[in-house]
Amino acid sequence: MNASTLRRIALALAAPTIAAVVAIAISSIVLEVSGSDSIETFKTMLENGTKLESMIDTLNRATPLYLAAVAAAIGFRMNLFNIGVEGQYILAGFAAAVVGSKVGLPGPLHVAVIIFTAMFVGAAWSGLAGLLKVTRGVNEVISTIMLNFIAVGALVAGLLPRFIDDPTAANQGTPQIAESGWLPNLNGFVEIFTREITKGRHLTGVFVLAIVIGIIYHVIINRSRFGFDVRASGMNPTAARAGGVPPKRMVLIAMIAGGAVAGLVGMPEILSDNHSYDQGFIQGLGFAGIAVALLGRNTAPGMAIAAILFGFLDSSAAILQVSSLASSEIVVIMQATILLVAVVVYEVVNRIKQRDEVRRAAQMAQAAA
């Protein structure tokens, strides 16, 4: 392994390593200032996080985060900032729960209908923002933010009372989906290699779906003509247009594809947990997914690692709250610090790489002369 290869590896590892070190350092200072024992806090987080049940919690939390990150990353590859993942998955989850509760089909077909409904609604809602951009020049940041408010505050809030199963229930929601529309958990498979999973933990079957989506995303972006067009349009739209890539069509396709993946973000709740849409339906995953995509540099492996890291920190918040070692808000501080430092260091690393490439090109030109 030559010096150049070692340097590239070091640069690739620099950003996440520095981000983790700085996040731990800042969080330690905050813990000590607030009167908590930083060493004991991190020790407890590590001990709890290595338990099998905690690992299941981490993967369950990482699964929707990863799907949200992929949805955002599809747009990022085109230099499109899709802020609408939040509204897309909430509206898609509501529609999928309503459709799933009203149809009666054999197991696999029932699940497929629910998944297709979610993807279709997510794609249609995101595609509306894409259509506004290519036909009227409306910036996707503005349109997706507005569509978030419309989806959550108008459509879901307005339509949910029409489909409530039990008006007297404390947590009102749609009728529960029949068992044929439930996605089996993966406990049996995990227990082959580990031990019995206790404390009522279940690894969602959507975890497999997330892996499949990640593989498809990686292959299409890095191994297909369409992926090349997406990357080319994102890096240099003018050159891509000159090369025959239709910019408006690419924008529309990217927004629709991102919305389709966004529709899957709420599927762990619909297919594995509550089997309905209720007032406690999880929110905030769309914005968290953007952070995961940025931290993972829009690559499938990078986003997987970032999603697991965020999932670990989220699952650690509960144990910190129960043990009274520290406020669960320390987890938010760590997540924000990791993201902020990583973004800054990534930019520094990119500039170093560009400088190295210029130097290498100059050396090759000099040698050729």
Protein backbone atom coordinates (compact mmCIF):
# COMPACT_ATOMS: atom_id res chain seq x y z
CA MET A 1 0.00 0.00 0.00
CA ASN A 2 1.63 3.24 -1.15
CA ALA A 3 1.63 6.63 0.56
CA SER A 4 -1.05 8.03 -1.74
CA THR A 5 -3.51 5.24 -0.84
CA LEU A 6 -2.81 5.64 2.86
CA ARG A 7 -3.42 9.37 2.57
CA ARG A 8 -6.79 8.81 0.87
CA ILE A 9 -7.84 6.35 3.58
CA ALA A 10 -6.76 8.78 6.30
CA LEU A 11 -8.75 11.59 4.70
CA ALA A 12 -11.83 9.37 4.42
CA LEU A 13 -11.66 8.47 8.12
CA ALA A 14 -10.75 11.95 9.31
CA ALA A 15 -14.21 13.53 9.28
CA PRO A 16 -16.17 10.88 11.24
CA THR A 17 -13.29 10.35 13.68
CA ILE A 18 -12.84 14.04 14.44
CA ALA A 19 -16.60 14.54 14.68
CA ALA A 20 -16.93 11.72 17.22
CA VAL A 21 -13.99 12.96 19.33
CA VAL A 22 -15.24 16.57 19.38
CA ALA A 23 -18.81 15.46 20.18
CA ILE A 24 -17.62 13.38 23.12
CA ALA A 25 -15.41 16.23 24.36
CA ILE A 26 -18.18 18.84 24.17
CA SER A 27 -20.75 16.50 25.70
CA SER A 28 -18.34 15.70 28.55
CA ILE A 29 -17.95 19.39 29.30
CA VAL A 30 -21.72 19.89 29.29
CA LEU A 31 -22.22 16.88 31.57
CA GLU A 32 -19.60 18.06 34.07
CA VAL A 33 -20.94 21.61 34.10
CA SER A 34 -24.46 20.31 34.74
CA GLY A 35 -23.24 18.22 37.66
CA SER A 36 -23.25 14.78 35.99
CA ASP A 37 -20.43 12.27 35.87
CA SER A 38 -19.38 12.14 32.21
CA ILE A 39 -17.36 8.94 32.54
CA GLU A 40 -20.17 7.09 34.27
CA THR A 41 -22.69 8.42 31.74
CA PHE A 42 -20.75 7.21 28.72
CA LYS A 43 -19.99 3.90 30.46
CA THR A 44 -23.69 3.34 31.07
CA MET A 45 -24.54 4.22 27.47
CA LEU A 46 -21.95 1.74 26.18
CA GLU A 47 -22.94 -1.07 28.55
CA ASN A 48 -26.62 -0.65 27.76
CA GLY A 49 -26.00 -0.30 24.02
CA THR A 50 -24.17 -3.62 23.78
CA LYS A 51 -27.08 -5.62 25.18
CA LEU A 52 -29.06 -7.59 22.60
CA GLU A 53 -32.36 -5.92 23.44
CA SER A 54 -30.75 -2.48 23.14
CA MET A 55 -29.27 -3.46 19.79
CA ILE A 56 -32.77 -4.37 18.62
CA ASP A 57 -33.99 -0.94 19.76
CA THR A 58 -31.09 0.69 17.90
CA LEU A 59 -31.86 -1.14 14.65
CA ASN A 60 -35.58 -0.40 14.96
CA ARG A 61 -34.80 3.29 15.35
CA ALA A 62 -32.17 3.23 12.58
CA THR A 63 -34.51 1.60 10.04
CA PRO A 64 -36.87 4.56 9.41
CA LEU A 65 -33.97 7.01 9.78
CA TYR A 66 -32.13 5.21 7.00
CA LEU A 67 -35.16 5.22 4.72
CA ALA A 68 -35.64 8.94 5.38
CA ALA A 69 -31.96 9.54 4.63
CA VAL A 70 -32.15 7.68 1.30
CA ALA A 71 -35.26 9.69 0.37
CA ALA A 72 -33.42 12.96 1.05
CA ALA A 73 -30.18 11.75 -0.57
CA ILE A 74 -31.87 11.10 -3.93
CA GLY A 75 -32.66 14.79 -4.12
CA PHE A 76 -29.27 15.84 -2.76
CA ARG A 77 -27.58 13.98 -5.60
CA MET A 78 -29.41 16.32 -7.97
CA ASN A 79 -28.70 19.40 -5.86
CA LEU A 80 -32.35 19.35 -4.82
CA PHE A 81 -33.05 20.04 -1.15
CA ASN A 82 -36.14 17.97 -0.42
CA ILE A 83 -37.39 19.25 2.95
CA GLY A 84 -40.70 17.49 2.41
CA VAL A 85 -39.80 13.96 3.56
CA GLU A 86 -41.61 14.68 6.83
CA GLY A 87 -44.95 15.48 5.22
CA GLN A 88 -44.54 12.80 2.57
CA TYR A 89 -44.13 9.91 4.99
CA ILE A 90 -46.83 11.12 7.40
CA LEU A 91 -49.40 11.51 4.62
CA ALA A 92 -48.30 8.20 3.07
CA GLY A 93 -48.54 6.41 6.42
CA PHE A 94 -52.05 7.71 6.97
CA ALA A 95 -53.20 6.68 3.49
CA ALA A 96 -51.57 3.24 3.80
CA ALA A 97 -53.25 2.67 7.18
CA VAL A 98 -56.68 3.62 5.83
CA VAL A 99 -56.34 1.46 2.70
CA GLY A 100 -54.83 -1.41 4.68
CA SER A 101 -57.72 -1.42 7.16
CA LYS A 102 -60.35 -1.51 4.42
CA VAL A 103 -59.05 -4.32 2.20
CA GLY A 104 -59.04 -8.02 2.92
CA LEU A 105 -56.39 -9.94 0.99
CA PRO A 106 -54.02 -12.88 1.47
CA GLY A 107 -50.97 -12.04 3.59
CA PRO A 108 -48.21 -11.16 1.09
CA LEU A 109 -50.63 -9.38 -1.25
CA HIS A 110 -52.15 -7.38 1.62
CA VAL A 111 -48.68 -6.20 2.73
CA ALA A 112 -47.77 -5.39 -0.88
CA VAL A 113 -50.90 -3.22 -1.28
CA ILE A 114 -50.05 -1.28 1.89
CA ILE A 115 -46.45 -0.72 0.77
CA PHE A 116 -47.51 0.27 -2.76
CA THR A 117 -50.08 2.73 -1.38
CA ALA A 118 -47.48 4.36 0.83
CA MET A 119 -44.96 4.65 -2.01
CA PHE A 120 -47.56 5.98 -4.44
CA VAL A 121 -48.84 8.68 -2.06
CA GLY A 122 -45.31 9.70 -1.09
CA ALA A 123 -44.24 9.86 -4.72
CA ALA A 124 -47.33 11.87 -5.73
CA TRP A 125 -46.88 14.39 -2.92
CA SER A 126 -43.17 14.86 -3.64
CA GLY A 127 -43.82 14.85 -7.38
CA LEU A 128 -46.13 17.83 -6.88
CA ALA A 129 -43.15 19.85 -5.63
CA GLY A 130 -41.11 18.63 -8.59
CA LEU A 131 -43.88 19.64 -10.98
CA LEU A 132 -44.03 23.12 -9.47
CA LYS A 133 -40.28 23.46 -9.95
CA VAL A 134 -40.11 22.38 -13.59
CA THR A 135 -43.27 24.18 -14.73
CA ARG A 136 -43.29 27.32 -12.61
CA GLY A 137 -39.75 27.53 -11.28
CA VAL A 138 -40.87 27.28 -7.64
CA ASN A 139 -37.90 26.48 -5.40
CA GLU A 140 -38.27 22.99 -3.95
CA VAL A 141 -37.29 24.18 -0.46
CA ILE A 142 -40.25 26.55 -0.32
CA SER A 143 -42.74 24.17 -1.95
CA THR A 144 -41.81 21.14 0.18
CA ILE A 145 -42.00 23.15 3.40
CA MET A 146 -45.45 24.40 2.44
CA LEU A 147 -46.52 20.91 1.41
CA ASN A 148 -45.38 19.64 4.83
CA PHE A 149 -47.80 22.00 6.53
CA ILE A 150 -50.59 21.08 4.12
CA ALA A 151 -50.01 17.34 4.55
CA VAL A 152 -49.78 17.31 8.33
CA GLY A 153 -51.87 20.29 9.35
CA ALA A 154 -54.62 20.12 6.77
CA LEU A 155 -55.02 16.73 5.12
CA VAL A 156 -54.13 14.33 7.92
CA ALA A 157 -55.57 16.46 10.72
CA GLY A 158 -58.69 17.11 8.68
CA LEU A 159 -59.25 13.58 7.42
CA LEU A 160 -58.31 11.58 10.54
CA PRO A 161 -61.62 12.30 12.37
CA ARG A 162 -63.48 10.71 9.44
CA PHE A 163 -61.67 7.40 9.93
CA ILE A 164 -61.38 7.13 13.72
CA ASP A 165 -62.18 3.62 14.88
CA ASP A 166 -63.12 4.40 18.50
CA PRO A 167 -64.05 8.03 19.32
CA THR A 168 -63.87 7.24 23.06
CA ALA A 169 -60.27 5.98 22.94
CA ALA A 170 -57.55 8.08 24.55
CA ASN A 171 -55.31 7.71 21.50
CA GLN A 172 -57.73 7.93 18.60
CA GLY A 173 -56.73 6.38 15.30
CA THR A 174 -57.76 4.44 12.23
CA PRO A 175 -59.08 0.87 12.50
CA GLN A 176 -56.38 -1.72 13.03
CA ILE A 177 -55.14 -3.52 9.94
CA ALA A 178 -56.06 -7.22 9.76
CA GLU A 179 -53.33 -9.67 10.70
CA SER A 180 -52.84 -10.59 7.03
CA GLY A 181 -51.41 -7.08 6.59
CA TRP A 182 -48.82 -7.44 9.34
CA LEU A 183 -45.16 -7.87 8.48
CA PRO A 184 -43.51 -10.66 10.53
CA ASN A 185 -40.70 -9.63 12.84
CA LEU A 186 -37.16 -10.96 12.47
CA ASN A 187 -36.68 -12.29 15.99
CA GLY A 188 -36.58 -15.90 14.87
CA PHE A 189 -33.78 -15.20 12.43
CA VAL A 190 -31.75 -13.15 14.93
CA GLU A 191 -32.13 -15.76 17.67
CA ILE A 192 -30.49 -18.39 15.43
CA PHE A 193 -27.20 -16.54 15.88
CA THR A 194 -27.69 -15.01 19.34
CA ARG A 195 -30.13 -15.92 22.11
CA GLU A 196 -33.77 -15.45 22.94
CA ILE A 197 -34.79 -11.81 22.69
CA THR A 198 -36.56 -10.77 25.88
CA LYS A 199 -38.38 -7.73 27.31
CA GLY A 200 -40.90 -7.77 24.47
CA ARG A 201 -38.44 -6.48 21.88
CA HIS A 202 -39.11 -7.26 18.21
CA LEU A 203 -36.88 -6.44 15.26
CA THR A 204 -39.17 -4.97 12.61
CA GLY A 205 -39.42 -6.77 9.28
CA VAL A 206 -39.11 -3.37 7.60
CA PHE A 207 -35.39 -3.68 8.42
CA VAL A 208 -35.08 -6.07 5.45
CA LEU A 209 -36.99 -3.62 3.25
CA ALA A 210 -34.55 -0.87 4.26
CA ILE A 211 -31.59 -3.06 3.28
CA VAL A 212 -33.18 -3.77 -0.11
CA ILE A 213 -33.85 -0.06 -0.69
CA GLY A 214 -30.25 0.75 0.25
CA ILE A 215 -28.87 -1.82 -2.21
CA ILE A 216 -31.15 -0.58 -5.01
CA TYR A 217 -30.14 3.02 -4.30
CA HIS A 218 -26.43 2.15 -4.34
CA VAL A 219 -26.66 0.14 -7.57
CA ILE A 220 -28.77 2.68 -9.44
CA ILE A 221 -26.73 5.71 -8.36
CA ASN A 222 -23.32 4.13 -8.93
CA ARG A 223 -23.87 1.44 -11.58
CA SER A 224 -26.53 2.70 -14.00
CA ARG A 225 -26.91 5.26 -16.75
CA PHE A 226 -29.69 6.97 -14.83
CA GLY A 227 -27.47 7.24 -11.77
CA PHE A 228 -24.71 8.75 -13.88
CA ASP A 229 -27.18 11.31 -15.24
CA VAL A 230 -28.29 12.14 -11.69
CA ARG A 231 -24.72 12.60 -10.47
CA ALA A 232 -23.75 14.58 -13.56
CA SER A 233 -26.78 16.86 -13.20
CA GLY A 234 -25.94 17.45 -9.57
CA MET A 235 -22.25 18.19 -10.13
CA ASN A 236 -22.55 20.28 -13.30
CA PRO A 237 -26.08 20.93 -14.64
CA THR A 238 -24.80 22.95 -17.61
CA ALA A 239 -22.43 20.21 -18.78
CA ALA A 240 -25.11 17.55 -18.22
CA ARG A 241 -27.58 19.53 -20.32
CA ALA A 242 -24.99 19.88 -23.06
CA GLY A 243 -24.47 16.12 -22.91
CA GLY A 244 -28.12 15.46 -23.65
CA VAL A 245 -29.46 14.99 -20.10
CA PRO A 246 -32.95 16.58 -19.87
CA PRO A 247 -32.81 18.66 -16.66
CA LYS A 248 -36.55 19.04 -16.08
CA ARG A 249 -37.25 15.34 -16.50
CA MET A 250 -34.38 14.46 -14.15
CA VAL A 251 -35.71 16.86 -11.50
CA LEU A 252 -39.18 15.36 -11.72
CA ILE A 253 -37.92 11.77 -11.60
CA ALA A 254 -35.63 12.50 -8.66
CA MET A 255 -38.43 14.12 -6.67
CA ILE A 256 -40.85 11.28 -7.42
CA ALA A 257 -38.27 8.62 -6.52
CA GLY A 258 -37.39 10.40 -3.28
CA GLY A 259 -41.06 10.66 -2.36
CA ALA A 260 -41.63 6.97 -3.07
CA VAL A 261 -38.87 6.03 -0.63
CA ALA A 262 -40.13 8.63 1.86
CA GLY A 263 -43.49 6.86 1.84
CA LEU A 264 -41.81 3.83 3.42
CA VAL A 265 -40.49 5.73 6.45
CA GLY A 266 -43.66 5.20 8.47
CA MET A 267 -44.03 1.51 7.59
CA PRO A 268 -42.53 0.19 10.85
CA GLU A 269 -45.49 1.81 12.65
CA ILE A 270 -48.07 0.54 10.15
CA LEU A 271 -46.75 -2.94 9.38
CA SER A 272 -44.96 -3.91 12.58
CA ASP A 273 -45.98 -1.88 15.63
CA ASN A 274 -49.40 -0.25 15.95
CA HIS A 275 -50.88 -1.57 12.67
CA SER A 276 -52.81 1.69 12.40
CA TYR A 277 -52.37 5.44 12.18
CA ASP A 278 -53.12 7.24 15.44
CA GLN A 279 -52.42 10.55 17.12
CA GLY A 280 -49.16 9.16 18.48
CA PHE A 281 -47.76 8.41 15.02
CA ILE A 282 -44.05 9.12 15.15
CA GLN A 283 -42.95 12.45 13.71
CA GLY A 284 -39.64 14.21 13.15
CA LEU A 285 -38.02 11.38 11.18
CA GLY A 286 -37.98 13.38 7.95
CA PHE A 287 -35.79 16.12 9.38
CA ALA A 288 -33.60 13.61 11.24
CA GLY A 289 -33.17 11.73 7.97
CA ILE A 290 -31.73 14.85 6.35
CA ALA A 291 -29.10 14.95 9.10
CA VAL A 292 -28.31 11.26 8.56
CA ALA A 293 -27.96 11.81 4.80
CA LEU A 294 -25.59 14.74 5.31
CA LEU A 295 -23.51 12.81 7.84
CA GLY A 296 -23.39 9.76 5.56
CA ARG A 297 -22.38 11.86 2.54
CA ASN A 298 -25.38 10.53 0.58
CA THR A 299 -23.74 7.11 0.18
CA ALA A 300 -25.62 3.93 1.10
CA PRO A 301 -22.92 2.56 3.49
CA GLY A 302 -22.25 5.98 5.02
CA MET A 303 -25.93 6.61 5.71
CA ALA A 304 -26.29 3.12 7.22
CA ILE A 305 -23.50 3.85 9.72
CA ALA A 306 -24.93 7.29 10.48
CA ALA A 307 -28.44 5.87 10.99
CA ILE A 308 -27.14 3.22 13.40
CA LEU A 309 -25.17 5.89 15.29
CA PHE A 310 -28.26 8.09 15.62
CA GLY A 311 -30.34 5.04 16.51
CA PHE A 312 -27.87 4.14 19.26
CA LEU A 313 -27.95 7.67 20.67
CA ASP A 314 -31.76 7.77 20.56
CA SER A 315 -32.07 4.43 22.36
CA SER A 316 -29.53 5.64 24.95
CA ALA A 317 -31.71 8.62 25.84
CA ALA A 318 -34.22 6.38 27.63
CA ILE A 319 -31.63 4.66 29.84
CA LEU A 320 -30.14 8.02 30.82
CA GLN A 321 -33.59 9.26 31.80
CA VAL A 322 -34.36 6.14 33.84
CA SER A 323 -30.97 6.00 35.57
CA SER A 324 -31.03 9.76 36.34
CA LEU A 325 -27.35 9.92 35.40
CA ALA A 326 -27.92 12.78 33.01
CA SER A 327 -30.59 14.55 31.05
CA SER A 328 -31.67 12.83 27.87
CA GLU A 329 -31.01 16.15 26.12
CA ILE A 330 -27.31 15.26 26.10
CA VAL A 331 -28.15 12.90 23.23
CA VAL A 332 -29.48 15.82 21.17
CA ILE A 333 -26.32 17.77 21.93
CA MET A 334 -24.16 14.87 20.73
CA GLN A 335 -26.17 14.42 17.53
CA ALA A 336 -26.04 18.12 16.70
CA THR A 337 -22.31 18.35 17.48
CA ILE A 338 -21.45 15.30 15.39
CA LEU A 339 -23.38 16.68 12.43
CA LEU A 340 -21.97 20.20 12.68
CA VAL A 341 -18.35 19.10 13.08
CA ALA A 342 -18.66 16.45 10.36
CA VAL A 343 -20.01 18.95 7.83
CA VAL A 344 -17.14 21.37 8.55
CA VAL A 345 -14.47 18.66 8.44
CA TYR A 346 -15.92 17.12 5.27
CA GLU A 347 -15.55 20.49 3.54
CA VAL A 348 -11.94 20.78 4.73
CA VAL A 349 -11.20 17.23 3.54
CA ASN A 350 -12.78 17.96 0.14
CA ARG A 351 -10.55 20.98 -0.31
CA ILE A 352 -7.48 18.92 0.59
CA LYS A 353 -8.53 16.26 -1.93
CA GLN A 354 -9.03 18.87 -4.64
CA ARG A 355 -5.60 20.33 -3.90
CA ASP A 356 -4.06 16.84 -4.10
CA GLU A 357 -5.77 16.19 -7.44
CA VAL A 358 -4.49 19.49 -8.86
CA ARG A 359 -0.97 18.67 -7.68
CA ARG A 360 -1.18 15.15 -9.14
CA ALA A 361 -2.44 16.48 -12.47
CA ALA A 362 0.38 19.02 -12.59
CA GLN A 363 2.93 16.32 -11.88
CA MET A 364 1.55 14.10 -14.63
CA ALA A 365 1.55 17.00 -17.10
CA GLN A 366 5.12 17.84 -16.18
CA ALA A 367 6.19 14.21 -16.57
CA ALA A 368 4.48 13.99 -19.98
CA ALA A 369 6.28 17.14 -21.12
